[in-house]
Amino acid sequence: SCQSLHILDLAIPEVIQNGTRSSVVLDCAYRYERYEKEDLVVKWFFNGEPEAVYQWILGKKPEAMGILKGRVNLEYHATKDKYSRHRALEILHPTTELTGLYTCLVSSFHDEEFASKRMIVYAPASSMNMTYSKPSATSVNISCEAHGLYPKPTLALRHSTTRTPVESEVEVLDVEEGYSIYLQAMVEDRTLPRETIFECVLHIPDTEYQVRRSIIYLPGGSNVNSLDHSTTDPTTLTHPPGKPYLPLVISVPTKNLKNTHHLTWPPLYNRTNTTAKQCNINLQKQKTSISLCDQLDKSPPTRRGQKGFKGVWAMEGS
């Protein structure tokens, strides 16, 4: 038999960021027949629990219970129609603990129907770091960690240019401030090219949230540059003390490339007679890859107390 009572649409935002919305509406649009409109009841359930978190009986005020108690605007009207006016939830200031499966149940004396959808309220990382150490002269230990995430994140290590995964161990801890995740990988220098860009990719499943960190590693050396892909200007790097290695190439989306890159290499040590080096790199549109120009100071002084150099690097499209 054809159902008289029917849910037409369950409109629930799939993904929202924690602390960014003053309110969010979960709507449950339904169709009903005239003979059942006087005894309509709308209930919402959370994560399959048997007790409703919201209930509206026609002719009575709606009420929020359980995890939604005190967190719903009970004056919200989804429509002007008195038989579906309070069908929706307007949740105020949604936070991570409201991540879960929401079920709308509409019933009358004659029939009932329900529909469910998941909503994710995610928390981005409060911090993310990528480092490396040399346990021996012939190997490197790459470490990544991130903190304060929700829901449970993933962390993966790969070669930046080829996107090839690097075998690694990952540990996830559920702490009060959200999830913390740790990654470690031991790599033998002999398996690497002369210069390797390692990339750590942090992701929250079922969302578009992703943060990447990169380091440049030269086998046998101790030089490393770290790059934060989540910043607004991904072209600025700080070089550690010592001779800059050339060329250094960073992968970024091609759309971020401009026709000219200004490459500056200002010294950070206190010497009045040392001026910053600069060179311009002209990009032709058909090219997506360029190398660093070599007008940099290749032999910086080695006196104590010097703090290396800071520069803006040329980039490679991907």
C-alpha atoms as a PDB file:
ATOM      1  CA  SER A   1       0.000   0.000   0.000  1.00  0.00           C
ATOM      2  CA  CYS A   2       1.135   3.545  -0.685  1.00  0.00           C
ATOM      3  CA  GLN A   3       2.372   5.297   2.424  1.00  0.00           C
ATOM      4  CA  SER A   4       0.306   8.343   3.243  1.00  0.00           C
ATOM      5  CA  LEU A   5       2.855   9.876   5.591  1.00  0.00           C
ATOM      6  CA  HIS A   6       6.120  10.399   3.725  1.00  0.00           C
ATOM      7  CA  ILE A   7       9.435  12.158   4.445  1.00  0.00           C
ATOM      8  CA  LEU A   8      10.245  14.209   1.350  1.00  0.00           C
ATOM      9  CA  ASP A   9      13.671  15.530   2.305  1.00  0.00           C
ATOM     10  CA  LEU A  10      16.089  15.289   5.213  1.00  0.00           C
ATOM     11  CA  ALA A  11      18.360  18.349   4.979  1.00  0.00           C
ATOM     12  CA  ILE A  12      21.344  18.061   7.307  1.00  0.00           C
ATOM     13  CA  PRO A  13      24.716  19.793   6.752  1.00  0.00           C
ATOM     14  CA  GLU A  14      27.278  17.050   6.245  1.00  0.00           C
ATOM     15  CA  VAL A  15      30.370  18.869   7.541  1.00  0.00           C
ATOM     16  CA  ILE A  16      30.852  22.025   9.608  1.00  0.00           C
ATOM     17  CA  GLN A  17      33.877  23.354  11.476  1.00  0.00           C
ATOM     18  CA  ASN A  18      33.737  23.551  15.244  1.00  0.00           C
ATOM     19  CA  GLY A  19      33.155  27.069  16.571  1.00  0.00           C
ATOM     20  CA  THR A  20      32.393  28.681  13.196  1.00  0.00           C
ATOM     21  CA  ARG A  21      28.589  28.685  13.154  1.00  0.00           C
ATOM     22  CA  SER A  22      26.179  30.487  15.497  1.00  0.00           C
ATOM     23  CA  SER A  23      23.501  27.962  14.555  1.00  0.00           C
ATOM     24  CA  VAL A  24      22.746  25.153  12.126  1.00  0.00           C
ATOM     25  CA  VAL A  25      19.355  23.870  10.910  1.00  0.00           C
ATOM     26  CA  LEU A  26      18.510  20.172  10.521  1.00  0.00           C
ATOM     27  CA  ASP A  27      15.238  19.998   8.573  1.00  0.00           C
ATOM     28  CA  CYS A  28      12.842  17.122   8.024  1.00  0.00           C
ATOM     29  CA  ALA A  29      10.266  17.943   5.333  1.00  0.00           C
ATOM     30  CA  TYR A  30       7.297  15.562   5.096  1.00  0.00           C
ATOM     31  CA  ARG A  31       3.966  15.062   3.351  1.00  0.00           C
ATOM     32  CA  TYR A  32       0.805  14.097   5.233  1.00  0.00           C
ATOM     33  CA  GLU A  33      -2.852  13.362   4.484  1.00  0.00           C
ATOM     34  CA  ARG A  34      -5.697  15.438   5.876  1.00  0.00           C
ATOM     35  CA  TYR A  35      -7.079  12.602   7.993  1.00  0.00           C
ATOM     36  CA  GLU A  36      -3.812  12.211   9.960  1.00  0.00           C
ATOM     37  CA  LYS A  37      -2.726  15.818  10.419  1.00  0.00           C
ATOM     38  CA  GLU A  38      -4.283  16.287  13.872  1.00  0.00           C
ATOM     39  CA  ASP A  39      -2.199  13.548  15.511  1.00  0.00           C
ATOM     40  CA  LEU A  40       1.230  14.192  13.993  1.00  0.00           C
ATOM     41  CA  VAL A  41       4.334  13.707  16.175  1.00  0.00           C
ATOM     42  CA  VAL A  42       7.905  14.612  15.150  1.00  0.00           C
ATOM     43  CA  LYS A  43      10.855  13.114  17.020  1.00  0.00           C
ATOM     44  CA  TRP A  44      14.579  13.389  16.463  1.00  0.00           C
ATOM     45  CA  PHE A  45      17.073  10.764  17.668  1.00  0.00           C
ATOM     46  CA  PHE A  46      20.880  10.915  17.992  1.00  0.00           C
ATOM     47  CA  ASN A  47      23.291   8.040  17.250  1.00  0.00           C
ATOM     48  CA  GLY A  48      20.592   5.365  17.402  1.00  0.00           C
ATOM     49  CA  GLU A  49      19.777   5.975  21.066  1.00  0.00           C
ATOM     50  CA  PRO A  50      16.234   4.865  22.046  1.00  0.00           C
ATOM     51  CA  GLU A  51      15.450   8.140  23.835  1.00  0.00           C
ATOM     52  CA  ALA A  52      14.535  11.092  21.617  1.00  0.00           C
ATOM     53  CA  VAL A  53      16.608  14.297  21.811  1.00  0.00           C
ATOM     54  CA  TYR A  54      13.746  16.421  20.415  1.00  0.00           C
ATOM     55  CA  GLN A  55       9.983  15.986  20.342  1.00  0.00           C
ATOM     56  CA  TRP A  56       7.085  17.987  18.967  1.00  0.00           C
ATOM     57  CA  ILE A  57       3.484  16.889  19.460  1.00  0.00           C
ATOM     58  CA  LEU A  58       0.987  18.953  17.491  1.00  0.00           C
ATOM     59  CA  GLY A  59      -0.675  21.491  19.780  1.00  0.00           C
ATOM     60  CA  LYS A  60       2.150  21.361  22.342  1.00  0.00           C
ATOM     61  CA  LYS A  61       5.445  23.188  22.658  1.00  0.00           C
ATOM     62  CA  PRO A  62       8.487  21.382  21.246  1.00  0.00           C
ATOM     63  CA  GLU A  63      11.085  20.167  23.742  1.00  0.00           C
ATOM     64  CA  ALA A  64      14.758  19.259  23.538  1.00  0.00           C
ATOM     65  CA  MET A  65      16.245  16.554  25.734  1.00  0.00           C
ATOM     66  CA  GLY A  66      19.474  14.675  26.363  1.00  0.00           C
ATOM     67  CA  ILE A  67      22.497  16.021  24.494  1.00  0.00           C
ATOM     68  CA  LEU A  68      20.359  18.757  22.867  1.00  0.00           C
ATOM     69  CA  LYS A  69      18.813  20.071  26.089  1.00  0.00           C
ATOM     70  CA  GLY A  70      19.386  23.832  26.189  1.00  0.00           C
ATOM     71  CA  ARG A  71      21.053  23.765  22.757  1.00  0.00           C
ATOM     72  CA  VAL A  72      18.032  24.137  20.444  1.00  0.00           C
ATOM     73  CA  ASN A  73      16.077  27.268  19.525  1.00  0.00           C
ATOM     74  CA  LEU A  74      12.563  26.035  20.347  1.00  0.00           C
ATOM     75  CA  GLU A  75      11.015  29.152  18.767  1.00  0.00           C
ATOM     76  CA  TYR A  76      12.340  28.257  15.306  1.00  0.00           C
ATOM     77  CA  HIS A  77       9.683  27.824  12.588  1.00  0.00           C
ATOM     78  CA  ALA A  78      10.615  25.733   9.544  1.00  0.00           C
ATOM     79  CA  THR A  79       7.377  26.667   7.745  1.00  0.00           C
ATOM     80  CA  LYS A  80       4.182  28.656   8.320  1.00  0.00           C
ATOM     81  CA  ASP A  81       2.138  25.451   8.074  1.00  0.00           C
ATOM     82  CA  LYS A  82       0.895  24.650  11.589  1.00  0.00           C
ATOM     83  CA  TYR A  83       1.216  20.899  10.912  1.00  0.00           C
ATOM     84  CA  SER A  84       4.948  21.062  10.150  1.00  0.00           C
ATOM     85  CA  ARG A  85       6.014  24.292  11.860  1.00  0.00           C
ATOM     86  CA  HIS A  86       8.354  22.715  14.436  1.00  0.00           C
ATOM     87  CA  ARG A  87       9.662  19.834  12.328  1.00  0.00           C
ATOM     88  CA  ALA A  88      13.258  21.194  12.213  1.00  0.00           C
ATOM     89  CA  LEU A  89      16.080  21.518  14.739  1.00  0.00           C
ATOM     90  CA  GLU A  90      17.939  24.807  14.976  1.00  0.00           C
ATOM     91  CA  ILE A  91      21.003  23.805  16.995  1.00  0.00           C
ATOM     92  CA  LEU A  92      22.836  26.733  18.590  1.00  0.00           C
ATOM     93  CA  HIS A  93      26.655  26.932  18.447  1.00  0.00           C
ATOM     94  CA  PRO A  94      27.273  23.337  17.280  1.00  0.00           C
ATOM     95  CA  THR A  95      30.398  21.726  18.727  1.00  0.00           C
ATOM     96  CA  THR A  96      32.290  18.481  18.147  1.00  0.00           C
ATOM     97  CA  GLU A  97      30.257  16.335  20.560  1.00  0.00           C
ATOM     98  CA  LEU A  98      27.257  16.814  18.262  1.00  0.00           C
ATOM     99  CA  THR A  99      28.984  14.796  15.533  1.00  0.00           C
ATOM    100  CA  GLY A 100      26.841  11.771  14.794  1.00  0.00           C
ATOM    101  CA  LEU A 101      23.825  10.197  13.111  1.00  0.00           C
ATOM    102  CA  TYR A 102      20.569  12.153  13.276  1.00  0.00           C
ATOM    103  CA  THR A 103      17.239  10.375  12.702  1.00  0.00           C
ATOM    104  CA  CYS A 104      13.941  12.149  12.061  1.00  0.00           C
ATOM    105  CA  LEU A 105      10.824  10.100  12.897  1.00  0.00           C
ATOM    106  CA  VAL A 106       7.413  11.401  11.823  1.00  0.00           C
ATOM    107  CA  SER A 107       4.366   9.473  13.002  1.00  0.00           C
ATOM    108  CA  SER A 108       0.570   9.553  13.152  1.00  0.00           C
ATOM    109  CA  PHE A 109      -1.991   7.038  14.426  1.00  0.00           C
ATOM    110  CA  HIS A 110      -2.010   5.555  10.924  1.00  0.00           C
ATOM    111  CA  ASP A 111       1.611   5.469   9.888  1.00  0.00           C
ATOM    112  CA  GLU A 112       5.222   6.397  10.640  1.00  0.00           C
ATOM    113  CA  GLU A 113       8.371   7.001   8.650  1.00  0.00           C
ATOM    114  CA  PHE A 114      11.975   7.817   9.516  1.00  0.00           C
ATOM    115  CA  ALA A 115      15.153   8.948   7.751  1.00  0.00           C
ATOM    116  CA  SER A 116      18.757   9.334   8.968  1.00  0.00           C
ATOM    117  CA  LYS A 117      21.851  11.336   8.003  1.00  0.00           C
ATOM    118  CA  ARG A 118      25.244  11.966   9.572  1.00  0.00           C
ATOM    119  CA  MET A 119      26.609  15.382  10.546  1.00  0.00           C
ATOM    120  CA  ILE A 120      30.305  15.939  11.282  1.00  0.00           C
ATOM    121  CA  VAL A 121      31.402  18.873  13.439  1.00  0.00           C
ATOM    122  CA  TYR A 122      35.173  18.739  13.043  1.00  0.00           C
ATOM    123  CA  ALA A 123      37.976  20.447  14.940  1.00  0.00           C
ATOM    124  CA  PRO A 124      41.112  21.316  12.918  1.00  0.00           C
ATOM    125  CA  ALA A 125      44.578  20.693  14.318  1.00  0.00           C
ATOM    126  CA  SER A 126      45.680  23.081  17.053  1.00  0.00           C
ATOM    127  CA  SER A 127      49.272  22.258  16.066  1.00  0.00           C
ATOM    128  CA  MET A 128      51.160  20.130  13.550  1.00  0.00           C
ATOM    129  CA  ASN A 129      54.892  19.506  13.364  1.00  0.00           C
ATOM    130  CA  MET A 130      57.242  17.582  11.109  1.00  0.00           C
ATOM    131  CA  THR A 131      60.866  16.890  12.012  1.00  0.00           C
ATOM    132  CA  TYR A 132      63.647  14.457  11.234  1.00  0.00           C
ATOM    133  CA  SER A 133      66.642  12.993  13.035  1.00  0.00           C
ATOM    134  CA  LYS A 134      69.693  11.002  11.981  1.00  0.00           C
ATOM    135  CA  PRO A 135      69.961   7.801  14.047  1.00  0.00           C
ATOM    136  CA  SER A 136      72.929   6.841  11.858  1.00  0.00           C
ATOM    137  CA  ALA A 137      74.969   8.315   9.027  1.00  0.00           C
ATOM    138  CA  THR A 138      73.090   6.163   6.498  1.00  0.00           C
ATOM    139  CA  SER A 139      69.458   6.529   7.575  1.00  0.00           C
ATOM    140  CA  VAL A 140      66.879   9.127   8.537  1.00  0.00           C
ATOM    141  CA  ASN A 141      63.953   9.035  10.963  1.00  0.00           C
ATOM    142  CA  ILE A 142      60.983  11.184   9.845  1.00  0.00           C
ATOM    143  CA  SER A 143      58.422  12.220  12.489  1.00  0.00           C
ATOM    144  CA  CYS A 144      55.062  13.977  12.151  1.00  0.00           C
ATOM    145  CA  GLU A 145      52.563  14.817  14.854  1.00  0.00           C
ATOM    146  CA  ALA A 146      49.315  16.764  15.144  1.00  0.00           C
ATOM    147  CA  HIS A 147      47.075  17.610  18.086  1.00  0.00           C
ATOM    148  CA  GLY A 148      43.576  18.804  18.989  1.00  0.00           C
ATOM    149  CA  LEU A 149      41.678  17.144  16.127  1.00  0.00           C
ATOM    150  CA  TYR A 150      38.153  15.721  15.966  1.00  0.00           C
ATOM    151  CA  PRO A 151      36.883  13.276  14.832  1.00  0.00           C
ATOM    152  CA  LYS A 152      39.639  10.677  14.468  1.00  0.00           C
ATOM    153  CA  PRO A 153      42.194  11.849  11.859  1.00  0.00           C
ATOM    154  CA  THR A 154      44.602  10.028   9.552  1.00  0.00           C
ATOM    155  CA  LEU A 155      48.271  10.835   8.938  1.00  0.00           C
ATOM    156  CA  ALA A 156      50.320   9.571   6.000  1.00  0.00           C
ATOM    157  CA  LEU A 157      53.871  10.097   4.761  1.00  0.00           C
ATOM    158  CA  ARG A 158      54.757  10.198   1.068  1.00  0.00           C
ATOM    159  CA  HIS A 159      57.380  11.367  -1.405  1.00  0.00           C
ATOM    160  CA  SER A 160      56.106  14.781  -2.451  1.00  0.00           C
ATOM    161  CA  THR A 161      57.060  14.674  -6.133  1.00  0.00           C
ATOM    162  CA  THR A 162      55.926  11.111  -6.946  1.00  0.00           C
ATOM    163  CA  ARG A 163      53.166  10.856  -4.287  1.00  0.00           C
ATOM    164  CA  THR A 164      54.575   7.402  -3.444  1.00  0.00           C
ATOM    165  CA  PRO A 165      53.640   6.335   0.111  1.00  0.00           C
ATOM    166  CA  VAL A 166      56.415   5.803   2.660  1.00  0.00           C
ATOM    167  CA  GLU A 167      55.954   2.895   5.052  1.00  0.00           C
ATOM    168  CA  SER A 168      55.439   4.286   8.545  1.00  0.00           C
ATOM    169  CA  GLU A 169      54.008   3.587  11.993  1.00  0.00           C
ATOM    170  CA  VAL A 170      51.032   5.658  13.168  1.00  0.00           C
ATOM    171  CA  GLU A 171      49.612   5.971  16.688  1.00  0.00           C
ATOM    172  CA  VAL A 172      46.395   7.796  17.602  1.00  0.00           C
ATOM    173  CA  LEU A 173      45.514   8.903  21.142  1.00  0.00           C
ATOM    174  CA  ASP A 174      42.066  10.078  22.251  1.00  0.00           C
ATOM    175  CA  VAL A 175      42.655  12.788  24.859  1.00  0.00           C
ATOM    176  CA  GLU A 176      40.458  15.460  26.420  1.00  0.00           C
ATOM    177  CA  GLU A 177      41.529  18.155  23.947  1.00  0.00           C
ATOM    178  CA  GLY A 178      40.698  15.943  20.933  1.00  0.00           C
ATOM    179  CA  TYR A 179      42.748  13.375  19.055  1.00  0.00           C
ATOM    180  CA  SER A 180      46.544  13.420  18.930  1.00  0.00           C
ATOM    181  CA  ILE A 181      48.234  11.506  16.121  1.00  0.00           C
ATOM    182  CA  TYR A 182      51.895  10.511  15.735  1.00  0.00           C
ATOM    183  CA  LEU A 183      53.786   9.124  12.727  1.00  0.00           C
ATOM    184  CA  GLN A 184      57.321   7.738  12.478  1.00  0.00           C
ATOM    185  CA  ALA A 185      59.230   6.323   9.533  1.00  0.00           C
ATOM    186  CA  MET A 186      62.787   5.025   9.246  1.00  0.00           C
ATOM    187  CA  VAL A 187      64.256   5.375   5.755  1.00  0.00           C
ATOM    188  CA  GLU A 188      67.648   4.201   4.455  1.00  0.00           C
ATOM    189  CA  ASP A 189      69.598   6.869   2.563  1.00  0.00           C
ATOM    190  CA  ARG A 190      70.561   4.398  -0.194  1.00  0.00           C
ATOM    191  CA  THR A 191      66.881   4.115  -1.207  1.00  0.00           C
ATOM    192  CA  LEU A 192      66.600   7.861  -1.791  1.00  0.00           C
ATOM    193  CA  PRO A 193      67.571  10.174  -4.657  1.00  0.00           C
ATOM    194  CA  ARG A 194      70.128  12.938  -4.060  1.00  0.00           C
ATOM    195  CA  GLU A 195      67.379  15.216  -2.789  1.00  0.00           C
ATOM    196  CA  THR A 196      64.043  14.081  -1.363  1.00  0.00           C
ATOM    197  CA  ILE A 197      60.977  16.068  -0.376  1.00  0.00           C
ATOM    198  CA  PHE A 198      59.010  14.168   2.269  1.00  0.00           C
ATOM    199  CA  GLU A 199      55.414  15.233   2.760  1.00  0.00           C
ATOM    200  CA  CYS A 200      53.123  14.513   5.718  1.00  0.00           C
ATOM    201  CA  VAL A 201      49.397  14.615   4.915  1.00  0.00           C
ATOM    202  CA  LEU A 202      46.906  15.112   7.747  1.00  0.00           C
ATOM    203  CA  HIS A 203      43.252  14.403   6.936  1.00  0.00           C
ATOM    204  CA  ILE A 204      39.903  14.044   8.704  1.00  0.00           C
ATOM    205  CA  PRO A 205      37.906  11.321   6.894  1.00  0.00           C
ATOM    206  CA  ASP A 206      34.636  12.347   5.206  1.00  0.00           C
ATOM    207  CA  THR A 207      35.664  16.023   5.244  1.00  0.00           C
ATOM    208  CA  GLU A 208      37.723  18.223   2.925  1.00  0.00           C
ATOM    209  CA  TYR A 209      40.047  19.135   5.801  1.00  0.00           C
ATOM    210  CA  GLN A 210      43.655  18.417   4.865  1.00  0.00           C
ATOM    211  CA  VAL A 211      46.951  19.938   5.986  1.00  0.00           C
ATOM    212  CA  ARG A 212      50.352  19.120   4.506  1.00  0.00           C
ATOM    213  CA  ARG A 213      53.861  19.632   5.833  1.00  0.00           C
ATOM    214  CA  SER A 214      57.036  19.071   3.826  1.00  0.00           C
ATOM    215  CA  ILE A 215      60.726  18.794   4.556  1.00  0.00           C
ATOM    216  CA  ILE A 216      63.618  18.663   2.123  1.00  0.00           C
ATOM    217  CA  TYR A 217      66.166  15.980   2.980  1.00  0.00           C
ATOM    218  CA  LEU A 218      69.580  15.494   1.417  1.00  0.00           C
ATOM    219  CA  PRO A 219      70.937  11.987   2.096  1.00  0.00           C
ATOM    220  CA  GLY A 220      74.182  12.097   4.014  1.00  0.00           C
ATOM    221  CA  GLY A 221      73.675  15.730   4.983  1.00  0.00           C
ATOM    222  CA  SER A 222      72.010  17.407   7.918  1.00  0.00           C
ATOM    223  CA  ASN A 223      70.267  20.194   6.025  1.00  0.00           C
ATOM    224  CA  VAL A 224      66.484  20.448   6.106  1.00  0.00           C
ATOM    225  CA  ASN A 225      63.851  22.983   5.133  1.00  0.00           C
ATOM    226  CA  SER A 226      60.319  22.811   6.455  1.00  0.00           C
ATOM    227  CA  LEU A 227      57.329  24.124   4.536  1.00  0.00           C
ATOM    228  CA  ASP A 228      53.785  24.639   5.777  1.00  0.00           C
ATOM    229  CA  HIS A 229      51.298  24.149   2.936  1.00  0.00           C
ATOM    230  CA  SER A 230      48.382  25.439   5.004  1.00  0.00           C
ATOM    231  CA  THR A 231      49.730  28.981   5.220  1.00  0.00           C
ATOM    232  CA  THR A 232      48.535  31.728   2.892  1.00  0.00           C
ATOM    233  CA  ASP A 233      52.016  32.239   1.434  1.00  0.00           C
ATOM    234  CA  PRO A 234      53.576  28.816   0.815  1.00  0.00           C
ATOM    235  CA  THR A 235      56.732  30.293  -0.733  1.00  0.00           C
ATOM    236  CA  THR A 236      58.580  31.467   2.360  1.00  0.00           C
ATOM    237  CA  LEU A 237      61.116  29.149   3.956  1.00  0.00           C
ATOM    238  CA  THR A 238      63.738  29.601   6.626  1.00  0.00           C
ATOM    239  CA  HIS A 239      67.095  28.047   5.895  1.00  0.00           C
ATOM    240  CA  PRO A 240      69.123  26.701   8.830  1.00  0.00           C
ATOM    241  CA  PRO A 241      72.700  27.897   9.407  1.00  0.00           C
ATOM    242  CA  GLY A 242      75.239  26.872   6.816  1.00  0.00           C
ATOM    243  CA  LYS A 243      75.634  26.706   3.078  1.00  0.00           C
ATOM    244  CA  PRO A 244      72.371  26.710   1.084  1.00  0.00           C
ATOM    245  CA  TYR A 245      72.023  23.675  -1.171  1.00  0.00           C
ATOM    246  CA  LEU A 246      70.987  24.251  -4.787  1.00  0.00           C
ATOM    247  CA  PRO A 247      68.634  23.738  -6.467  1.00  0.00           C
ATOM    248  CA  LEU A 248      65.702  23.405  -4.101  1.00  0.00           C
ATOM    249  CA  VAL A 249      62.271  22.860  -5.602  1.00  0.00           C
ATOM    250  CA  ILE A 250      58.937  22.809  -3.773  1.00  0.00           C
ATOM    251  CA  SER A 251      55.719  21.355  -5.194  1.00  0.00           C
ATOM    252  CA  VAL A 252      52.602  23.510  -5.145  1.00  0.00           C
ATOM    253  CA  PRO A 253      49.464  23.567  -7.321  1.00  0.00           C
ATOM    254  CA  THR A 254      50.173  25.219 -10.691  1.00  0.00           C
ATOM    255  CA  LYS A 255      47.447  27.805 -10.096  1.00  0.00           C
ATOM    256  CA  ASN A 256      49.647  29.295  -7.362  1.00  0.00           C
ATOM    257  CA  LEU A 257      52.461  30.089  -9.795  1.00  0.00           C
ATOM    258  CA  LYS A 258      52.896  33.675 -10.892  1.00  0.00           C
ATOM    259  CA  ASN A 259      54.856  34.907 -13.904  1.00  0.00           C
ATOM    260  CA  THR A 260      57.739  36.209 -11.805  1.00  0.00           C
ATOM    261  CA  HIS A 261      59.116  35.069  -8.486  1.00  0.00           C
ATOM    262  CA  HIS A 262      61.309  37.413  -6.484  1.00  0.00           C
ATOM    263  CA  LEU A 263      63.871  35.374  -4.656  1.00  0.00           C
ATOM    264  CA  THR A 264      65.499  37.168  -1.738  1.00  0.00           C
ATOM    265  CA  TRP A 265      68.216  35.791   0.477  1.00  0.00           C
ATOM    266  CA  PRO A 266      68.756  38.318   3.292  1.00  0.00           C
ATOM    267  CA  PRO A 267      71.446  37.492   5.835  1.00  0.00           C
ATOM    268  CA  LEU A 268      70.192  37.340   9.413  1.00  0.00           C
ATOM    269  CA  TYR A 269      73.565  37.873  11.062  1.00  0.00           C
ATOM    270  CA  ASN A 270      74.786  41.310  12.066  1.00  0.00           C
ATOM    271  CA  ARG A 271      77.234  42.419   9.400  1.00  0.00           C
ATOM    272  CA  THR A 272      76.778  45.867   7.924  1.00  0.00           C
ATOM    273  CA  ASN A 273      78.732  45.116   4.745  1.00  0.00           C
ATOM    274  CA  THR A 274      76.581  42.147   3.711  1.00  0.00           C
ATOM    275  CA  THR A 275      73.623  42.888   1.466  1.00  0.00           C
ATOM    276  CA  ALA A 276      70.690  40.700   0.594  1.00  0.00           C
ATOM    277  CA  LYS A 277      70.908  38.813  -2.664  1.00  0.00           C
ATOM    278  CA  GLN A 278      67.926  38.830  -5.009  1.00  0.00           C
ATOM    279  CA  CYS A 279      67.123  37.304  -8.374  1.00  0.00           C
ATOM    280  CA  ASN A 280      64.009  37.201 -10.504  1.00  0.00           C
ATOM    281  CA  ILE A 281      62.738  34.039 -12.148  1.00  0.00           C
ATOM    282  CA  ASN A 282      60.600  34.442 -15.245  1.00  0.00           C
ATOM    283  CA  LEU A 283      58.106  31.670 -15.800  1.00  0.00           C
ATOM    284  CA  GLN A 284      56.896  30.854 -19.269  1.00  0.00           C
ATOM    285  CA  LYS A 285      53.289  29.716 -19.274  1.00  0.00           C
ATOM    286  CA  GLN A 286      53.946  26.357 -20.904  1.00  0.00           C
ATOM    287  CA  LYS A 287      56.452  25.422 -18.214  1.00  0.00           C
ATOM    288  CA  THR A 288      55.317  24.035 -14.879  1.00  0.00           C
ATOM    289  CA  SER A 289      58.756  23.380 -13.432  1.00  0.00           C
ATOM    290  CA  ILE A 290      61.618  25.724 -12.652  1.00  0.00           C
ATOM    291  CA  SER A 291      64.811  25.570 -10.633  1.00  0.00           C
ATOM    292  CA  LEU A 292      66.235  27.998  -8.172  1.00  0.00           C
ATOM    293  CA  CYS A 293      68.437  30.650  -9.733  1.00  0.00           C
ATOM    294  CA  ASP A 294      71.997  30.488  -8.475  1.00  0.00           C
ATOM    295  CA  GLN A 295      72.753  34.106  -7.609  1.00  0.00           C
ATOM    296  CA  LEU A 296      72.595  33.222  -3.934  1.00  0.00           C
ATOM    297  CA  ASP A 297      75.480  33.541  -1.552  1.00  0.00           C
ATOM    298  CA  LYS A 298      76.953  30.055  -1.787  1.00  0.00           C
ATOM    299  CA  SER A 299      79.605  30.610   0.850  1.00  0.00           C
ATOM    300  CA  PRO A 300      78.111  32.336   3.886  1.00  0.00           C
ATOM    301  CA  PRO A 301      80.546  33.197   6.690  1.00  0.00           C
ATOM    302  CA  THR A 302      81.023  30.521   9.302  1.00  0.00           C
ATOM    303  CA  ARG A 303      81.602  32.646  12.378  1.00  0.00           C
ATOM    304  CA  ARG A 304      79.820  31.714  15.572  1.00  0.00           C
ATOM    305  CA  GLY A 305      76.482  33.258  16.402  1.00  0.00           C
ATOM    306  CA  GLN A 306      75.198  33.364  12.859  1.00  0.00           C
ATOM    307  CA  LYS A 307      71.623  32.288  12.361  1.00  0.00           C
ATOM    308  CA  GLY A 308      71.476  31.207   8.751  1.00  0.00           C
ATOM    309  CA  PHE A 309      69.359  32.791   6.035  1.00  0.00           C
ATOM    310  CA  LYS A 310      65.752  33.415   5.213  1.00  0.00           C
ATOM    311  CA  GLY A 311      64.583  33.307   1.631  1.00  0.00           C
ATOM    312  CA  VAL A 312      61.702  32.901  -0.749  1.00  0.00           C
ATOM    313  CA  TRP A 313      62.026  29.892  -2.983  1.00  0.00           C
ATOM    314  CA  ALA A 314      60.993  29.239  -6.547  1.00  0.00           C
ATOM    315  CA  MET A 315      58.335  26.602  -6.982  1.00  0.00           C
ATOM    316  CA  GLU A 316      57.305  23.727  -9.179  1.00  0.00           C
ATOM    317  CA  GLY A 317      53.748  23.230 -10.411  1.00  0.00           C
ATOM    318  CA  SER A 318      52.020  19.919  -9.802  1.00  0.00           C
END
